[in-house]
């Protein structure tokens, strides 16, 4: 079975037309299986009340569906988030009352300039044209939900970022270092023996409890993964974030689906001390957030040095 994952932004309710609603917290997932391909749509249902789910929903997807229903600061935040994370492939549509020329001005100079602009009535057909993107290599699985199931034990939901996962595999839980065994794997509620990137999976795990797993944790067979307490960034400040960044100031640090608190140790270059270690995978981008900001909550982004 192959998998494709989309993030749905803007008017999130359109996801109801795409697939069956599943897990729903501050992230809501919908999926549909057709012709041996499982398509999953993720919405940041906790946004705009919180900025964190927006970054997490974007990080978990390969492709973007952005249906703009209004041109407000939250639309601006979504554009900045997509550009910060370099999400280059997607579909852009808008409701009839949105000023297209103003929208074009808002996306100018961002990755969204390359999105295919279509009428919303054609969204379903256009989604079928996106190819599966498999990422070979070492196994990395990012967890977005975890809970205890009576009679089963620890069940984790997540995405195979790279490589593959097989039943009875033994993987390391990062950051704890605990060795866990995969008792069983499900895709779209079906039991499978194996799943390959970029599959969404439900994993029954042995040797770890649900409260020992948090969103963004990684399961891996890769011994070379970096786990950092401090990070240095080739940093680019978001031009719409007008506040001055100061040494010793606190912020939130987003890497993949991980979000931890950090303190600026220096501003030029940008170095941060993390309150808890973070896993850094190849090609990860770091985004800095200020949730309490009254305007744009994205400070900026950068490559991890």
C-alpha atoms as a PDB file:
ATOM      1  CA  UNK A   1       0.000   0.000   0.000  1.00  0.00           C
ATOM      2  CA  UNK A   2       1.206   3.494  -0.872  1.00  0.00           C
ATOM      3  CA  UNK A   3       0.530   6.704   1.037  1.00  0.00           C
ATOM      4  CA  UNK A   4       0.175  10.430   0.366  1.00  0.00           C
ATOM      5  CA  UNK A   5      -0.285  13.059   3.086  1.00  0.00           C
ATOM      6  CA  UNK A   6      -1.796  16.542   2.651  1.00  0.00           C
ATOM      7  CA  UNK A   7      -2.169  19.454   5.035  1.00  0.00           C
ATOM      8  CA  UNK A   8      -5.407  21.394   4.587  1.00  0.00           C
ATOM      9  CA  UNK A   9      -5.138  25.094   5.439  1.00  0.00           C
ATOM     10  CA  UNK A  10      -7.399  28.112   5.241  1.00  0.00           C
ATOM     11  CA  UNK A  11     -10.988  26.868   5.267  1.00  0.00           C
ATOM     12  CA  UNK A  12     -10.342  23.573   7.055  1.00  0.00           C
ATOM     13  CA  UNK A  13     -13.914  22.266   6.842  1.00  0.00           C
ATOM     14  CA  UNK A  14     -13.346  21.271   3.205  1.00  0.00           C
ATOM     15  CA  UNK A  15     -11.445  18.254   4.544  1.00  0.00           C
ATOM     16  CA  UNK A  16     -14.806  16.719   5.452  1.00  0.00           C
ATOM     17  CA  UNK A  17     -15.393  16.200   1.733  1.00  0.00           C
ATOM     18  CA  UNK A  18     -12.086  14.414   1.180  1.00  0.00           C
ATOM     19  CA  UNK A  19     -12.059  11.504   3.605  1.00  0.00           C
ATOM     20  CA  UNK A  20     -13.405   9.869   6.733  1.00  0.00           C
ATOM     21  CA  UNK A  21     -12.727  11.767   9.947  1.00  0.00           C
ATOM     22  CA  UNK A  22     -10.463   9.940  12.381  1.00  0.00           C
ATOM     23  CA  UNK A  23      -8.333  11.079  15.301  1.00  0.00           C
ATOM     24  CA  UNK A  24      -9.209  14.600  16.383  1.00  0.00           C
ATOM     25  CA  UNK A  25      -7.333  16.692  18.945  1.00  0.00           C
ATOM     26  CA  UNK A  26      -5.615  19.967  18.073  1.00  0.00           C
ATOM     27  CA  UNK A  27      -4.755  18.052  14.900  1.00  0.00           C
ATOM     28  CA  UNK A  28      -7.572  16.330  13.001  1.00  0.00           C
ATOM     29  CA  UNK A  29      -6.996  13.561  10.485  1.00  0.00           C
ATOM     30  CA  UNK A  30      -9.123  12.342   7.593  1.00  0.00           C
ATOM     31  CA  UNK A  31      -8.280   9.480   5.265  1.00  0.00           C
ATOM     32  CA  UNK A  32      -9.506   7.544   2.257  1.00  0.00           C
ATOM     33  CA  UNK A  33      -8.220   4.425   0.516  1.00  0.00           C
ATOM     34  CA  UNK A  34      -8.548   4.193  -3.271  1.00  0.00           C
ATOM     35  CA  UNK A  35      -6.705   1.965  -5.757  1.00  0.00           C
ATOM     36  CA  UNK A  36      -4.272   0.752  -3.084  1.00  0.00           C
ATOM     37  CA  UNK A  37      -3.311   4.344  -2.170  1.00  0.00           C
ATOM     38  CA  UNK A  38      -4.160   5.777   1.234  1.00  0.00           C
ATOM     39  CA  UNK A  39      -4.563   9.546   1.174  1.00  0.00           C
ATOM     40  CA  UNK A  40      -4.545  11.389   4.484  1.00  0.00           C
ATOM     41  CA  UNK A  41      -5.561  15.000   5.110  1.00  0.00           C
ATOM     42  CA  UNK A  42      -4.384  16.774   8.264  1.00  0.00           C
ATOM     43  CA  UNK A  43      -5.928  19.966   9.605  1.00  0.00           C
ATOM     44  CA  UNK A  44      -4.560  22.176  12.362  1.00  0.00           C
ATOM     45  CA  UNK A  45      -7.841  22.247  14.269  1.00  0.00           C
ATOM     46  CA  UNK A  46      -6.164  23.957  17.232  1.00  0.00           C
ATOM     47  CA  UNK A  47      -5.202  26.916  15.014  1.00  0.00           C
ATOM     48  CA  UNK A  48      -5.603  29.897  15.139  1.00  0.00           C
ATOM     49  CA  UNK A  49      -6.064  29.702  18.931  1.00  0.00           C
ATOM     50  CA  UNK A  50      -2.579  28.160  19.091  1.00  0.00           C
ATOM     51  CA  UNK A  51       0.249  28.528  16.598  1.00  0.00           C
ATOM     52  CA  UNK A  52       1.889  25.176  17.452  1.00  0.00           C
ATOM     53  CA  UNK A  53      -0.593  22.851  15.650  1.00  0.00           C
ATOM     54  CA  UNK A  54      -0.132  24.824  12.428  1.00  0.00           C
ATOM     55  CA  UNK A  55       3.589  24.052  12.287  1.00  0.00           C
ATOM     56  CA  UNK A  56       3.029  20.433  13.284  1.00  0.00           C
ATOM     57  CA  UNK A  57       0.332  19.839  10.664  1.00  0.00           C
ATOM     58  CA  UNK A  58       2.499  21.324   7.911  1.00  0.00           C
ATOM     59  CA  UNK A  59       5.518  19.277   8.990  1.00  0.00           C
ATOM     60  CA  UNK A  60       3.652  15.975   8.746  1.00  0.00           C
ATOM     61  CA  UNK A  61       2.498  16.488   5.136  1.00  0.00           C
ATOM     62  CA  UNK A  62       4.211  16.232   1.764  1.00  0.00           C
ATOM     63  CA  UNK A  63       1.704  18.469  -0.023  1.00  0.00           C
ATOM     64  CA  UNK A  64      -0.458  21.503   0.743  1.00  0.00           C
ATOM     65  CA  UNK A  65      -4.100  22.305   0.008  1.00  0.00           C
ATOM     66  CA  UNK A  66      -4.758  25.946   0.871  1.00  0.00           C
ATOM     67  CA  UNK A  67      -8.309  27.219   0.396  1.00  0.00           C
ATOM     68  CA  UNK A  68      -8.309  30.897   1.348  1.00  0.00           C
ATOM     69  CA  UNK A  69     -11.615  32.190   2.706  1.00  0.00           C
ATOM     70  CA  UNK A  70     -10.378  35.495   4.156  1.00  0.00           C
ATOM     71  CA  UNK A  71      -7.317  37.730   3.997  1.00  0.00           C
ATOM     72  CA  UNK A  72      -6.538  38.301   7.667  1.00  0.00           C
ATOM     73  CA  UNK A  73      -3.471  37.975   9.890  1.00  0.00           C
ATOM     74  CA  UNK A  74      -4.088  34.239  10.304  1.00  0.00           C
ATOM     75  CA  UNK A  75      -3.934  33.740   6.534  1.00  0.00           C
ATOM     76  CA  UNK A  76      -0.673  35.667   6.711  1.00  0.00           C
ATOM     77  CA  UNK A  77       0.651  33.360   9.431  1.00  0.00           C
ATOM     78  CA  UNK A  78      -0.162  30.309   7.339  1.00  0.00           C
ATOM     79  CA  UNK A  79       1.658  31.780   4.330  1.00  0.00           C
ATOM     80  CA  UNK A  80       4.698  32.575   6.488  1.00  0.00           C
ATOM     81  CA  UNK A  81       4.665  29.102   8.043  1.00  0.00           C
ATOM     82  CA  UNK A  82       4.563  27.383   4.642  1.00  0.00           C
ATOM     83  CA  UNK A  83       7.367  29.571   3.354  1.00  0.00           C
ATOM     84  CA  UNK A  84       9.458  29.073   6.505  1.00  0.00           C
ATOM     85  CA  UNK A  85       9.210  25.295   6.147  1.00  0.00           C
ATOM     86  CA  UNK A  86       9.832  25.358   2.387  1.00  0.00           C
ATOM     87  CA  UNK A  87       6.635  23.544   1.409  1.00  0.00           C
ATOM     88  CA  UNK A  88       7.012  24.026  -2.341  1.00  0.00           C
ATOM     89  CA  UNK A  89       4.257  21.815  -3.731  1.00  0.00           C
ATOM     90  CA  UNK A  90       0.590  22.511  -3.277  1.00  0.00           C
ATOM     91  CA  UNK A  91      -2.765  23.747  -4.516  1.00  0.00           C
ATOM     92  CA  UNK A  92      -4.138  27.223  -3.897  1.00  0.00           C
ATOM     93  CA  UNK A  93      -7.810  28.145  -4.209  1.00  0.00           C
ATOM     94  CA  UNK A  94     -10.008  30.845  -2.723  1.00  0.00           C
ATOM     95  CA  UNK A  95     -13.626  31.720  -2.093  1.00  0.00           C
ATOM     96  CA  UNK A  96     -15.434  34.063  -4.487  1.00  0.00           C
ATOM     97  CA  UNK A  97     -15.259  37.061  -2.142  1.00  0.00           C
ATOM     98  CA  UNK A  98     -11.463  36.982  -1.717  1.00  0.00           C
ATOM     99  CA  UNK A  99      -9.604  39.729  -3.617  1.00  0.00           C
ATOM    100  CA  UNK A 100      -7.322  37.715  -5.905  1.00  0.00           C
ATOM    101  CA  UNK A 101      -4.942  40.603  -6.603  1.00  0.00           C
ATOM    102  CA  UNK A 102      -4.442  41.176  -2.873  1.00  0.00           C
ATOM    103  CA  UNK A 103      -3.893  37.453  -2.318  1.00  0.00           C
ATOM    104  CA  UNK A 104      -1.275  37.450  -5.081  1.00  0.00           C
ATOM    105  CA  UNK A 105       0.471  40.322  -3.310  1.00  0.00           C
ATOM    106  CA  UNK A 106       0.487  38.384  -0.033  1.00  0.00           C
ATOM    107  CA  UNK A 107       2.104  35.285  -1.585  1.00  0.00           C
ATOM    108  CA  UNK A 108       4.593  37.163  -3.758  1.00  0.00           C
ATOM    109  CA  UNK A 109       8.151  36.046  -3.095  1.00  0.00           C
ATOM    110  CA  UNK A 110       7.057  32.935  -1.162  1.00  0.00           C
ATOM    111  CA  UNK A 111       6.870  29.238  -2.052  1.00  0.00           C
ATOM    112  CA  UNK A 112       3.147  29.703  -2.678  1.00  0.00           C
ATOM    113  CA  UNK A 113       3.882  31.533  -5.934  1.00  0.00           C
ATOM    114  CA  UNK A 114       4.552  28.102  -7.455  1.00  0.00           C
ATOM    115  CA  UNK A 115       1.332  26.478  -6.192  1.00  0.00           C
ATOM    116  CA  UNK A 116      -1.254  25.566  -8.788  1.00  0.00           C
ATOM    117  CA  UNK A 117      -4.156  28.012  -8.556  1.00  0.00           C
ATOM    118  CA  UNK A 118      -7.465  26.305  -9.275  1.00  0.00           C
ATOM    119  CA  UNK A 119     -11.178  26.626  -8.670  1.00  0.00           C
ATOM    120  CA  UNK A 120     -12.195  24.912  -5.431  1.00  0.00           C
ATOM    121  CA  UNK A 121     -14.581  22.643  -7.349  1.00  0.00           C
ATOM    122  CA  UNK A 122     -11.542  20.984  -8.952  1.00  0.00           C
ATOM    123  CA  UNK A 123      -9.647  20.237  -5.739  1.00  0.00           C
ATOM    124  CA  UNK A 124     -10.474  16.528  -5.629  1.00  0.00           C
ATOM    125  CA  UNK A 125      -9.357  15.936  -9.210  1.00  0.00           C
ATOM    126  CA  UNK A 126      -6.118  17.888  -8.745  1.00  0.00           C
ATOM    127  CA  UNK A 127      -5.203  15.973  -5.587  1.00  0.00           C
ATOM    128  CA  UNK A 128      -5.158  12.726  -7.541  1.00  0.00           C
ATOM    129  CA  UNK A 129      -2.301  14.059  -9.664  1.00  0.00           C
ATOM    130  CA  UNK A 130       0.216  14.283  -6.822  1.00  0.00           C
ATOM    131  CA  UNK A 131       2.727  11.408  -6.813  1.00  0.00           C
ATOM    132  CA  UNK A 132       3.828   9.301  -3.850  1.00  0.00           C
ATOM    133  CA  UNK A 133       7.165  10.515  -2.480  1.00  0.00           C
ATOM    134  CA  UNK A 134       9.090   7.706  -0.808  1.00  0.00           C
ATOM    135  CA  UNK A 135      12.125   8.509   1.304  1.00  0.00           C
ATOM    136  CA  UNK A 136      14.519   5.583   1.529  1.00  0.00           C
ATOM    137  CA  UNK A 137      17.255   5.111   4.090  1.00  0.00           C
ATOM    138  CA  UNK A 138      17.247   4.524   7.829  1.00  0.00           C
ATOM    139  CA  UNK A 139      13.911   4.119   9.573  1.00  0.00           C
ATOM    140  CA  UNK A 140      12.552   7.269  11.223  1.00  0.00           C
ATOM    141  CA  UNK A 141       8.963   7.374  12.502  1.00  0.00           C
ATOM    142  CA  UNK A 142       7.527  10.520  14.057  1.00  0.00           C
ATOM    143  CA  UNK A 143       4.718  10.111  16.608  1.00  0.00           C
ATOM    144  CA  UNK A 144       1.790  12.524  16.735  1.00  0.00           C
ATOM    145  CA  UNK A 145      -0.629  10.733  19.093  1.00  0.00           C
ATOM    146  CA  UNK A 146      -0.237   7.999  21.706  1.00  0.00           C
ATOM    147  CA  UNK A 147      -2.685   6.311  24.045  1.00  0.00           C
ATOM    148  CA  UNK A 148      -3.432   3.149  26.002  1.00  0.00           C
ATOM    149  CA  UNK A 149      -5.836   0.650  24.415  1.00  0.00           C
ATOM    150  CA  UNK A 150      -7.464  -1.881  26.706  1.00  0.00           C
ATOM    151  CA  UNK A 151      -6.193  -5.357  25.919  1.00  0.00           C
ATOM    152  CA  UNK A 152      -3.561  -4.016  23.528  1.00  0.00           C
ATOM    153  CA  UNK A 153      -1.387  -1.639  25.517  1.00  0.00           C
ATOM    154  CA  UNK A 154       0.555   1.247  24.098  1.00  0.00           C
ATOM    155  CA  UNK A 155      -0.617   2.380  20.658  1.00  0.00           C
ATOM    156  CA  UNK A 156       1.203   5.176  18.826  1.00  0.00           C
ATOM    157  CA  UNK A 157       0.007   6.953  15.681  1.00  0.00           C
ATOM    158  CA  UNK A 158       2.539   8.530  13.389  1.00  0.00           C
ATOM    159  CA  UNK A 159       4.245   8.759  10.032  1.00  0.00           C
ATOM    160  CA  UNK A 160       7.134   6.813   8.559  1.00  0.00           C
ATOM    161  CA  UNK A 161       9.338   9.763   7.596  1.00  0.00           C
ATOM    162  CA  UNK A 162      11.952   7.556   5.965  1.00  0.00           C
ATOM    163  CA  UNK A 163      12.744   3.908   5.453  1.00  0.00           C
ATOM    164  CA  UNK A 164      10.279   1.195   6.413  1.00  0.00           C
ATOM    165  CA  UNK A 165       8.826  -0.510   9.458  1.00  0.00           C
ATOM    166  CA  UNK A 166       8.110  -4.236   9.845  1.00  0.00           C
ATOM    167  CA  UNK A 167       6.246  -6.211  12.449  1.00  0.00           C
ATOM    168  CA  UNK A 168       8.538  -7.283  15.328  1.00  0.00           C
ATOM    169  CA  UNK A 169      11.142  -4.641  14.476  1.00  0.00           C
ATOM    170  CA  UNK A 170      13.098  -3.340  17.443  1.00  0.00           C
ATOM    171  CA  UNK A 171      13.585   0.421  17.408  1.00  0.00           C
ATOM    172  CA  UNK A 172      15.022   3.037  19.722  1.00  0.00           C
ATOM    173  CA  UNK A 173      12.713   5.632  21.233  1.00  0.00           C
ATOM    174  CA  UNK A 174      14.362   9.045  21.003  1.00  0.00           C
ATOM    175  CA  UNK A 175      15.139  10.746  23.284  1.00  0.00           C
ATOM    176  CA  UNK A 176      14.797   8.210  26.129  1.00  0.00           C
ATOM    177  CA  UNK A 177      16.981   5.586  24.476  1.00  0.00           C
ATOM    178  CA  UNK A 178      14.500   2.833  25.345  1.00  0.00           C
ATOM    179  CA  UNK A 179      14.345  -0.148  22.972  1.00  0.00           C
ATOM    180  CA  UNK A 180      10.773  -0.845  21.888  1.00  0.00           C
ATOM    181  CA  UNK A 181       9.342  -3.683  19.834  1.00  0.00           C
ATOM    182  CA  UNK A 182       6.638  -3.252  17.205  1.00  0.00           C
ATOM    183  CA  UNK A 183       4.022  -5.872  18.046  1.00  0.00           C
ATOM    184  CA  UNK A 184       1.698  -4.989  15.171  1.00  0.00           C
ATOM    185  CA  UNK A 185       1.124  -2.387  12.458  1.00  0.00           C
ATOM    186  CA  UNK A 186      -2.092  -0.953  11.080  1.00  0.00           C
ATOM    187  CA  UNK A 187      -2.723   1.221   8.047  1.00  0.00           C
ATOM    188  CA  UNK A 188      -6.238   2.567   7.463  1.00  0.00           C
ATOM    189  CA  UNK A 189      -7.453   0.155  10.192  1.00  0.00           C
ATOM    190  CA  UNK A 190      -6.031  -2.842   8.314  1.00  0.00           C
ATOM    191  CA  UNK A 191      -3.306  -5.061   9.791  1.00  0.00           C
ATOM    192  CA  UNK A 192      -0.142  -5.089   7.705  1.00  0.00           C
ATOM    193  CA  UNK A 193       3.250  -6.728   8.110  1.00  0.00           C
ATOM    194  CA  UNK A 194       5.227  -3.807   6.721  1.00  0.00           C
ATOM    195  CA  UNK A 195       4.853  -0.099   5.919  1.00  0.00           C
ATOM    196  CA  UNK A 196       7.140   2.135   3.911  1.00  0.00           C
ATOM    197  CA  UNK A 197       7.658   5.899   3.854  1.00  0.00           C
ATOM    198  CA  UNK A 198       5.549   8.081   3.838  1.00  0.00           C
ATOM    199  CA  UNK A 199       2.913   5.785   5.374  1.00  0.00           C
ATOM    200  CA  UNK A 200       0.753   6.819   8.296  1.00  0.00           C
ATOM    201  CA  UNK A 201       0.720   3.947  10.760  1.00  0.00           C
ATOM    202  CA  UNK A 202      -0.767   2.801  14.013  1.00  0.00           C
ATOM    203  CA  UNK A 203       1.800   0.853  16.007  1.00  0.00           C
ATOM    204  CA  UNK A 204       1.240  -1.443  18.951  1.00  0.00           C
ATOM    205  CA  UNK A 205       4.424  -1.081  21.006  1.00  0.00           C
ATOM    206  CA  UNK A 206       6.050  -3.226  23.678  1.00  0.00           C
ATOM    207  CA  UNK A 207       8.400  -2.016  26.448  1.00  0.00           C
ATOM    208  CA  UNK A 208       7.128   1.561  26.629  1.00  0.00           C
ATOM    209  CA  UNK A 209       4.158   3.276  28.280  1.00  0.00           C
ATOM    210  CA  UNK A 210       1.943   5.936  26.660  1.00  0.00           C
ATOM    211  CA  UNK A 211       2.988   8.606  29.149  1.00  0.00           C
ATOM    212  CA  UNK A 212       6.616   8.070  28.125  1.00  0.00           C
ATOM    213  CA  UNK A 213       5.851   9.213  24.565  1.00  0.00           C
ATOM    214  CA  UNK A 214       5.142  12.788  23.531  1.00  0.00           C
ATOM    215  CA  UNK A 215       4.216  14.327  20.180  1.00  0.00           C
ATOM    216  CA  UNK A 216       7.258  14.699  17.961  1.00  0.00           C
ATOM    217  CA  UNK A 217       9.167  11.772  19.466  1.00  0.00           C
ATOM    218  CA  UNK A 218      11.057   9.629  16.970  1.00  0.00           C
ATOM    219  CA  UNK A 219      11.330   5.842  16.707  1.00  0.00           C
ATOM    220  CA  UNK A 220      14.420   4.865  14.756  1.00  0.00           C
ATOM    221  CA  UNK A 221      17.083   2.278  13.980  1.00  0.00           C
ATOM    222  CA  UNK A 222      19.564   5.072  13.192  1.00  0.00           C
ATOM    223  CA  UNK A 223      22.394   5.369  15.708  1.00  0.00           C
ATOM    224  CA  UNK A 224      23.768   8.541  14.105  1.00  0.00           C
ATOM    225  CA  UNK A 225      20.789  10.796  14.909  1.00  0.00           C
ATOM    226  CA  UNK A 226      21.759  14.071  16.605  1.00  0.00           C
ATOM    227  CA  UNK A 227      20.088  14.872  19.924  1.00  0.00           C
ATOM    228  CA  UNK A 228      20.904  18.431  20.922  1.00  0.00           C
ATOM    229  CA  UNK A 229      20.576  20.541  24.075  1.00  0.00           C
ATOM    230  CA  UNK A 230      21.736  23.661  22.243  1.00  0.00           C
ATOM    231  CA  UNK A 231      21.277  24.732  18.626  1.00  0.00           C
ATOM    232  CA  UNK A 232      22.869  27.295  16.347  1.00  0.00           C
ATOM    233  CA  UNK A 233      20.942  28.626  13.364  1.00  0.00           C
ATOM    234  CA  UNK A 234      21.640  30.269  10.053  1.00  0.00           C
ATOM    235  CA  UNK A 235      18.726  32.471  11.021  1.00  0.00           C
ATOM    236  CA  UNK A 236      16.379  34.589   8.926  1.00  0.00           C
ATOM    237  CA  UNK A 237      14.008  36.805  10.874  1.00  0.00           C
ATOM    238  CA  UNK A 238      10.440  37.030   9.608  1.00  0.00           C
ATOM    239  CA  UNK A 239      10.070  40.544   8.163  1.00  0.00           C
ATOM    240  CA  UNK A 240       6.575  40.862   9.653  1.00  0.00           C
ATOM    241  CA  UNK A 241       7.743  40.111  13.197  1.00  0.00           C
ATOM    242  CA  UNK A 242       8.415  43.605  14.499  1.00  0.00           C
ATOM    243  CA  UNK A 243       9.540  42.890  18.066  1.00  0.00           C
ATOM    244  CA  UNK A 244      13.215  43.093  18.981  1.00  0.00           C
ATOM    245  CA  UNK A 245      14.838  39.773  19.900  1.00  0.00           C
ATOM    246  CA  UNK A 246      16.933  39.985  23.062  1.00  0.00           C
ATOM    247  CA  UNK A 247      19.539  37.784  24.709  1.00  0.00           C
ATOM    248  CA  UNK A 248      18.017  35.537  27.423  1.00  0.00           C
ATOM    249  CA  UNK A 249      14.568  35.954  25.877  1.00  0.00           C
ATOM    250  CA  UNK A 250      12.422  32.812  25.813  1.00  0.00           C
ATOM    251  CA  UNK A 251      10.665  31.403  22.747  1.00  0.00           C
ATOM    252  CA  UNK A 252       9.325  28.129  21.386  1.00  0.00           C
ATOM    253  CA  UNK A 253      11.537  26.060  19.091  1.00  0.00           C
ATOM    254  CA  UNK A 254       9.904  23.949  16.374  1.00  0.00           C
ATOM    255  CA  UNK A 255      11.844  21.128  14.683  1.00  0.00           C
ATOM    256  CA  UNK A 256       9.743  18.588  12.788  1.00  0.00           C
ATOM    257  CA  UNK A 257       6.770  17.923  15.066  1.00  0.00           C
ATOM    258  CA  UNK A 258       8.766  18.738  18.194  1.00  0.00           C
ATOM    259  CA  UNK A 259       8.087  21.985  20.027  1.00  0.00           C
ATOM    260  CA  UNK A 260      10.213  22.855  23.066  1.00  0.00           C
ATOM    261  CA  UNK A 261      11.056  25.994  25.009  1.00  0.00           C
ATOM    262  CA  UNK A 262      14.345  27.693  24.272  1.00  0.00           C
ATOM    263  CA  UNK A 263      16.353  30.686  25.463  1.00  0.00           C
ATOM    264  CA  UNK A 264      18.429  32.959  23.231  1.00  0.00           C
ATOM    265  CA  UNK A 265      22.063  32.595  24.302  1.00  0.00           C
ATOM    266  CA  UNK A 266      23.159  34.985  21.550  1.00  0.00           C
ATOM    267  CA  UNK A 267      21.485  36.948  18.775  1.00  0.00           C
ATOM    268  CA  UNK A 268      24.239  37.255  16.196  1.00  0.00           C
ATOM    269  CA  UNK A 269      24.731  34.437  15.456  1.00  0.00           C
ATOM    270  CA  UNK A 270      21.505  32.966  16.829  1.00  0.00           C
ATOM    271  CA  UNK A 271      22.162  30.313  19.460  1.00  0.00           C
ATOM    272  CA  UNK A 272      19.538  28.810  21.759  1.00  0.00           C
ATOM    273  CA  UNK A 273      19.640  26.665  24.871  1.00  0.00           C
ATOM    274  CA  UNK A 274      16.774  24.151  24.951  1.00  0.00           C
ATOM    275  CA  UNK A 275      14.848  23.223  28.079  1.00  0.00           C
ATOM    276  CA  UNK A 276      14.701  19.620  26.808  1.00  0.00           C
ATOM    277  CA  UNK A 277      16.801  17.837  24.147  1.00  0.00           C
ATOM    278  CA  UNK A 278      15.530  17.809  20.560  1.00  0.00           C
ATOM    279  CA  UNK A 279      16.126  15.253  17.806  1.00  0.00           C
ATOM    280  CA  UNK A 280      17.550  16.704  14.591  1.00  0.00           C
ATOM    281  CA  UNK A 281      17.175  14.721  11.361  1.00  0.00           C
ATOM    282  CA  UNK A 282      18.787  15.500   7.991  1.00  0.00           C
ATOM    283  CA  UNK A 283      17.214  18.506   6.222  1.00  0.00           C
ATOM    284  CA  UNK A 284      15.266  19.609   9.306  1.00  0.00           C
ATOM    285  CA  UNK A 285      14.370  23.294   9.446  1.00  0.00           C
ATOM    286  CA  UNK A 286      13.961  25.139  12.729  1.00  0.00           C
ATOM    287  CA  UNK A 287      11.185  27.703  13.222  1.00  0.00           C
ATOM    288  CA  UNK A 288      11.096  30.004  16.254  1.00  0.00           C
ATOM    289  CA  UNK A 289       7.729  30.985  17.716  1.00  0.00           C
ATOM    290  CA  UNK A 290       6.364  33.570  20.148  1.00  0.00           C
ATOM    291  CA  UNK A 291       2.841  32.348  21.022  1.00  0.00           C
ATOM    292  CA  UNK A 292       2.038  35.362  23.200  1.00  0.00           C
ATOM    293  CA  UNK A 293       2.714  37.874  20.414  1.00  0.00           C
ATOM    294  CA  UNK A 294      -0.345  39.992  19.633  1.00  0.00           C
ATOM    295  CA  UNK A 295       0.513  40.091  15.932  1.00  0.00           C
ATOM    296  CA  UNK A 296       2.487  37.540  13.914  1.00  0.00           C
ATOM    297  CA  UNK A 297       3.666  34.701  16.145  1.00  0.00           C
ATOM    298  CA  UNK A 298       6.456  33.365  13.883  1.00  0.00           C
ATOM    299  CA  UNK A 299       9.793  34.995  14.758  1.00  0.00           C
ATOM    300  CA  UNK A 300      11.738  33.427  11.900  1.00  0.00           C
ATOM    301  CA  UNK A 301      13.445  30.275  10.704  1.00  0.00           C
ATOM    302  CA  UNK A 302      16.841  28.848   9.903  1.00  0.00           C
ATOM    303  CA  UNK A 303      18.966  25.858   9.029  1.00  0.00           C
ATOM    304  CA  UNK A 304      20.517  24.059  11.989  1.00  0.00           C
ATOM    305  CA  UNK A 305      24.298  24.429  11.958  1.00  0.00           C
END
